[in-house]
Amino acid sequence: MPACASCHGDSGGGNAEGGFPRLSGLAEDYLAHELDSFADGSRDHEIMGPIAQGLAPEERRALAVFYAGLRAPPPDGTPQPDDTAYDRGRMLAQTGEWTKALPACAQCHGPAGQGVGAAFPPLAGQPAAYLAAQLSAWKAGTRHNDPLGLMKGIADRLSDDDATAVAAYYAALPVTAIGGGR
């Protein structure tokens, strides 16, 4: 998959500096849904839209199968114990902030960010820049391919600092076998 590797890495591990997500080890149905969303325009991206539109449905499914079958790499690093942004991100991820009507991320994405089914992808080990960009896209309304439109309401309630903190927390978590792969 040379074309995919130019952004997502040789083994689908993502590109933290470029903000490109990890694909390896994600659920096949989730990957297929995202590629289909790029193809039908329900998920907007200047690079991925034309690429997905140029693929036949069976080619999109084959890519999903391929990347789901790859082992996810370890996270780039671990946070320092005195990292207050990480601590804030962990709190939001694990317990939420009910005074802002923010549920815990773990309620949908699993207690360790491992993902739940095809609708709620793994967050653990994804590049922080990618996660923060997706929260920004939900907030801006340029991404809208989630079940029941849940993420728009959540992203709207997150400050930019909180979105960055949650992204940093999940980027530092190890990828688990639960939820990834087929």
Protein backbone atom coordinates (compact mmCIF):
# COMPACT_ATOMS: atom_id res chain seq x y z
CA MET A 1 0.00 0.00 0.00
CA PRO A 2 2.65 2.54 -1.04
CA ALA A 3 0.20 5.43 -1.49
CA CYS A 4 -1.24 4.92 1.99
CA ALA A 5 2.22 4.54 3.52
CA SER A 6 3.29 8.00 2.40
CA CYS A 7 1.01 9.50 5.10
CA HIS A 8 0.17 6.61 7.43
CA GLY A 9 3.61 4.95 7.58
CA ASP A 10 4.94 1.70 6.16
CA SER A 11 3.07 -0.43 8.67
CA GLY A 12 0.06 1.85 9.19
CA GLY A 13 1.39 3.24 12.47
CA GLY A 14 0.47 6.84 11.66
CA ASN A 15 2.55 9.98 11.50
CA ALA A 16 2.52 12.01 14.71
CA GLU A 17 4.25 15.04 13.19
CA GLY A 18 1.91 15.18 10.21
CA GLY A 19 -1.21 14.44 12.23
CA PHE A 20 -2.02 11.31 10.23
CA PRO A 21 -3.77 8.56 12.20
CA ARG A 22 -2.69 5.06 12.99
CA LEU A 23 -4.62 2.58 10.85
CA SER A 24 -2.95 -0.64 11.96
CA GLY A 25 -5.02 -2.74 14.30
CA LEU A 26 -8.20 -0.68 13.99
CA ALA A 27 -11.43 -2.63 13.52
CA GLU A 28 -12.11 -3.64 9.93
CA ASP A 29 -15.70 -2.37 10.00
CA TYR A 30 -14.60 0.99 11.42
CA LEU A 31 -11.93 1.43 8.74
CA ALA A 32 -14.39 0.47 6.00
CA HIS A 33 -16.95 2.94 7.39
CA GLU A 34 -14.41 5.77 7.40
CA LEU A 35 -13.25 5.05 3.85
CA ASP A 36 -16.89 4.90 2.72
CA SER A 37 -17.54 8.20 4.54
CA PHE A 38 -14.65 9.86 2.69
CA ALA A 39 -15.97 8.41 -0.58
CA ASP A 40 -19.56 9.62 -0.10
CA GLY A 41 -18.52 13.00 1.32
CA SER A 42 -20.02 12.56 4.80
CA ARG A 43 -16.48 12.92 6.13
CA ASP A 44 -14.59 15.76 4.48
CA HIS A 45 -10.84 15.70 3.92
CA GLU A 46 -8.96 17.30 1.04
CA ILE A 47 -6.58 14.36 0.65
CA MET A 48 -8.66 11.35 1.67
CA GLY A 49 -11.85 12.37 -0.16
CA PRO A 50 -10.43 12.05 -3.68
CA ILE A 51 -8.43 8.94 -2.76
CA ALA A 52 -11.48 7.11 -1.36
CA GLN A 53 -13.68 8.28 -4.24
CA GLY A 54 -11.17 6.76 -6.65
CA LEU A 55 -11.45 3.34 -5.00
CA ALA A 56 -14.17 0.81 -5.73
CA PRO A 57 -16.14 -0.42 -2.69
CA GLU A 58 -14.30 -3.77 -2.78
CA GLU A 59 -10.93 -1.94 -2.83
CA ARG A 60 -11.94 0.12 0.21
CA ARG A 61 -12.94 -3.11 2.00
CA ALA A 62 -9.64 -4.76 1.03
CA LEU A 63 -7.72 -1.84 2.54
CA ALA A 64 -9.78 -2.12 5.71
CA VAL A 65 -9.02 -5.83 5.95
CA PHE A 66 -5.31 -5.21 5.34
CA TYR A 67 -4.86 -2.50 7.99
CA ALA A 68 -7.08 -4.24 10.54
CA GLY A 69 -4.77 -7.24 10.30
CA LEU A 70 -1.61 -5.29 11.12
CA ARG A 71 -0.24 -5.05 14.65
CA ALA A 72 -0.39 -1.55 16.12
CA PRO A 73 2.90 0.02 17.24
CA PRO A 74 3.59 1.13 20.82
CA PRO A 75 2.80 4.76 21.71
CA ASP A 76 5.45 7.41 21.10
CA GLY A 77 6.04 8.21 24.75
CA THR A 78 4.70 8.32 28.24
CA PRO A 79 3.66 11.45 30.10
CA GLN A 80 5.59 12.85 33.01
CA PRO A 81 3.87 12.50 36.41
CA ASP A 82 3.71 16.29 36.81
CA ASP A 83 2.10 16.89 33.43
CA THR A 84 -1.10 18.77 34.36
CA ALA A 85 -2.46 18.65 30.79
CA TYR A 86 -2.14 14.86 30.83
CA ASP A 87 -3.84 14.71 34.24
CA ARG A 88 -6.68 16.90 32.97
CA GLY A 89 -7.01 14.70 29.88
CA ARG A 90 -7.09 11.56 32.02
CA MET A 91 -9.82 13.04 34.22
CA LEU A 92 -11.96 14.01 31.23
CA ALA A 93 -11.39 10.63 29.58
CA GLN A 94 -12.17 8.56 32.67
CA THR A 95 -14.84 10.57 34.51
CA GLY A 96 -15.92 13.42 32.25
CA GLU A 97 -17.04 16.75 33.60
CA TRP A 98 -20.72 16.63 34.39
CA THR A 99 -20.95 20.35 35.23
CA LYS A 100 -20.33 20.90 31.50
CA ALA A 101 -22.52 17.94 30.44
CA LEU A 102 -19.37 16.16 29.26
CA PRO A 103 -19.56 12.38 29.63
CA ALA A 104 -16.36 10.41 30.05
CA CYS A 105 -14.76 9.41 26.75
CA ALA A 106 -14.46 5.92 28.24
CA GLN A 107 -18.24 5.54 28.20
CA CYS A 108 -18.16 5.07 24.43
CA HIS A 109 -14.51 4.41 23.57
CA GLY A 110 -13.82 1.89 26.35
CA PRO A 111 -12.03 2.19 29.70
CA ALA A 112 -8.53 2.07 28.16
CA GLY A 113 -9.41 3.81 24.90
CA GLN A 114 -9.46 0.45 23.12
CA GLY A 115 -12.64 1.21 21.16
CA VAL A 116 -16.05 -0.42 21.20
CA GLY A 117 -17.29 -2.01 18.00
CA ALA A 118 -17.24 -0.31 14.63
CA ALA A 119 -18.94 2.89 15.81
CA PHE A 120 -16.54 3.92 18.60
CA PRO A 121 -12.92 3.65 17.43
CA PRO A 122 -9.86 3.08 19.56
CA LEU A 123 -8.23 6.29 20.70
CA ALA A 124 -5.27 4.78 22.56
CA GLY A 125 -1.99 5.25 20.74
CA GLN A 126 -3.33 7.59 18.06
CA PRO A 127 -1.16 10.66 17.41
CA ALA A 128 -2.21 13.57 19.63
CA ALA A 129 -2.24 15.98 16.67
CA TYR A 130 -4.66 13.71 14.81
CA LEU A 131 -7.00 13.34 17.80
CA ALA A 132 -7.00 17.10 18.46
CA ALA A 133 -7.68 17.79 14.77
CA GLN A 134 -10.65 15.43 14.79
CA LEU A 135 -12.13 17.11 17.87
CA SER A 136 -11.69 20.43 16.08
CA ALA A 137 -13.39 19.03 12.97
CA TRP A 138 -16.37 17.78 15.02
CA LYS A 139 -16.59 21.20 16.69
CA ALA A 140 -16.41 23.06 13.38
CA GLY A 141 -19.01 20.74 11.85
CA THR A 142 -16.70 19.58 9.07
CA ARG A 143 -16.80 16.03 10.37
CA HIS A 144 -20.22 14.53 10.91
CA ASN A 145 -20.15 10.80 10.27
CA ASP A 146 -20.65 9.46 13.80
CA PRO A 147 -23.68 7.59 15.12
CA LEU A 148 -26.42 9.93 16.37
CA GLY A 149 -24.20 12.99 15.97
CA LEU A 150 -22.81 12.52 19.48
CA MET A 151 -19.33 13.91 18.88
CA LYS A 152 -20.45 17.36 17.72
CA GLY A 153 -22.14 18.04 21.06
CA ILE A 154 -19.18 16.74 23.01
CA ALA A 155 -16.61 18.68 20.98
CA ASP A 156 -18.67 21.87 21.35
CA ARG A 157 -18.37 21.58 25.15
CA LEU A 158 -14.59 21.03 25.14
CA SER A 159 -12.28 24.03 25.36
CA ASP A 160 -9.29 23.96 23.02
CA ASP A 161 -7.05 23.25 26.03
CA ASP A 162 -9.25 20.35 27.12
CA ALA A 163 -9.27 18.89 23.60
CA THR A 164 -5.47 19.08 23.56
CA ALA A 165 -5.31 17.45 27.02
CA VAL A 166 -7.60 14.55 26.05
CA ALA A 167 -5.59 14.03 22.86
CA ALA A 168 -2.32 13.96 24.82
CA TYR A 169 -3.75 11.45 27.29
CA TYR A 170 -4.93 9.02 24.63
CA ALA A 171 -1.75 9.38 22.55
CA ALA A 172 0.29 8.23 25.56
CA LEU A 173 -1.80 5.10 26.21
CA PRO A 174 -0.62 1.74 24.90
CA VAL A 175 -2.61 0.13 22.15
CA THR A 176 -4.45 -2.94 23.36
CA ALA A 177 -5.58 -5.95 21.39
CA ILE A 178 -9.19 -5.36 22.48
CA GLY A 179 -11.15 -3.56 19.79
CA GLY A 180 -8.33 -3.62 17.23
CA GLY A 181 -7.95 -6.05 14.39
CA ARG A 182 -10.79 -8.13 13.05
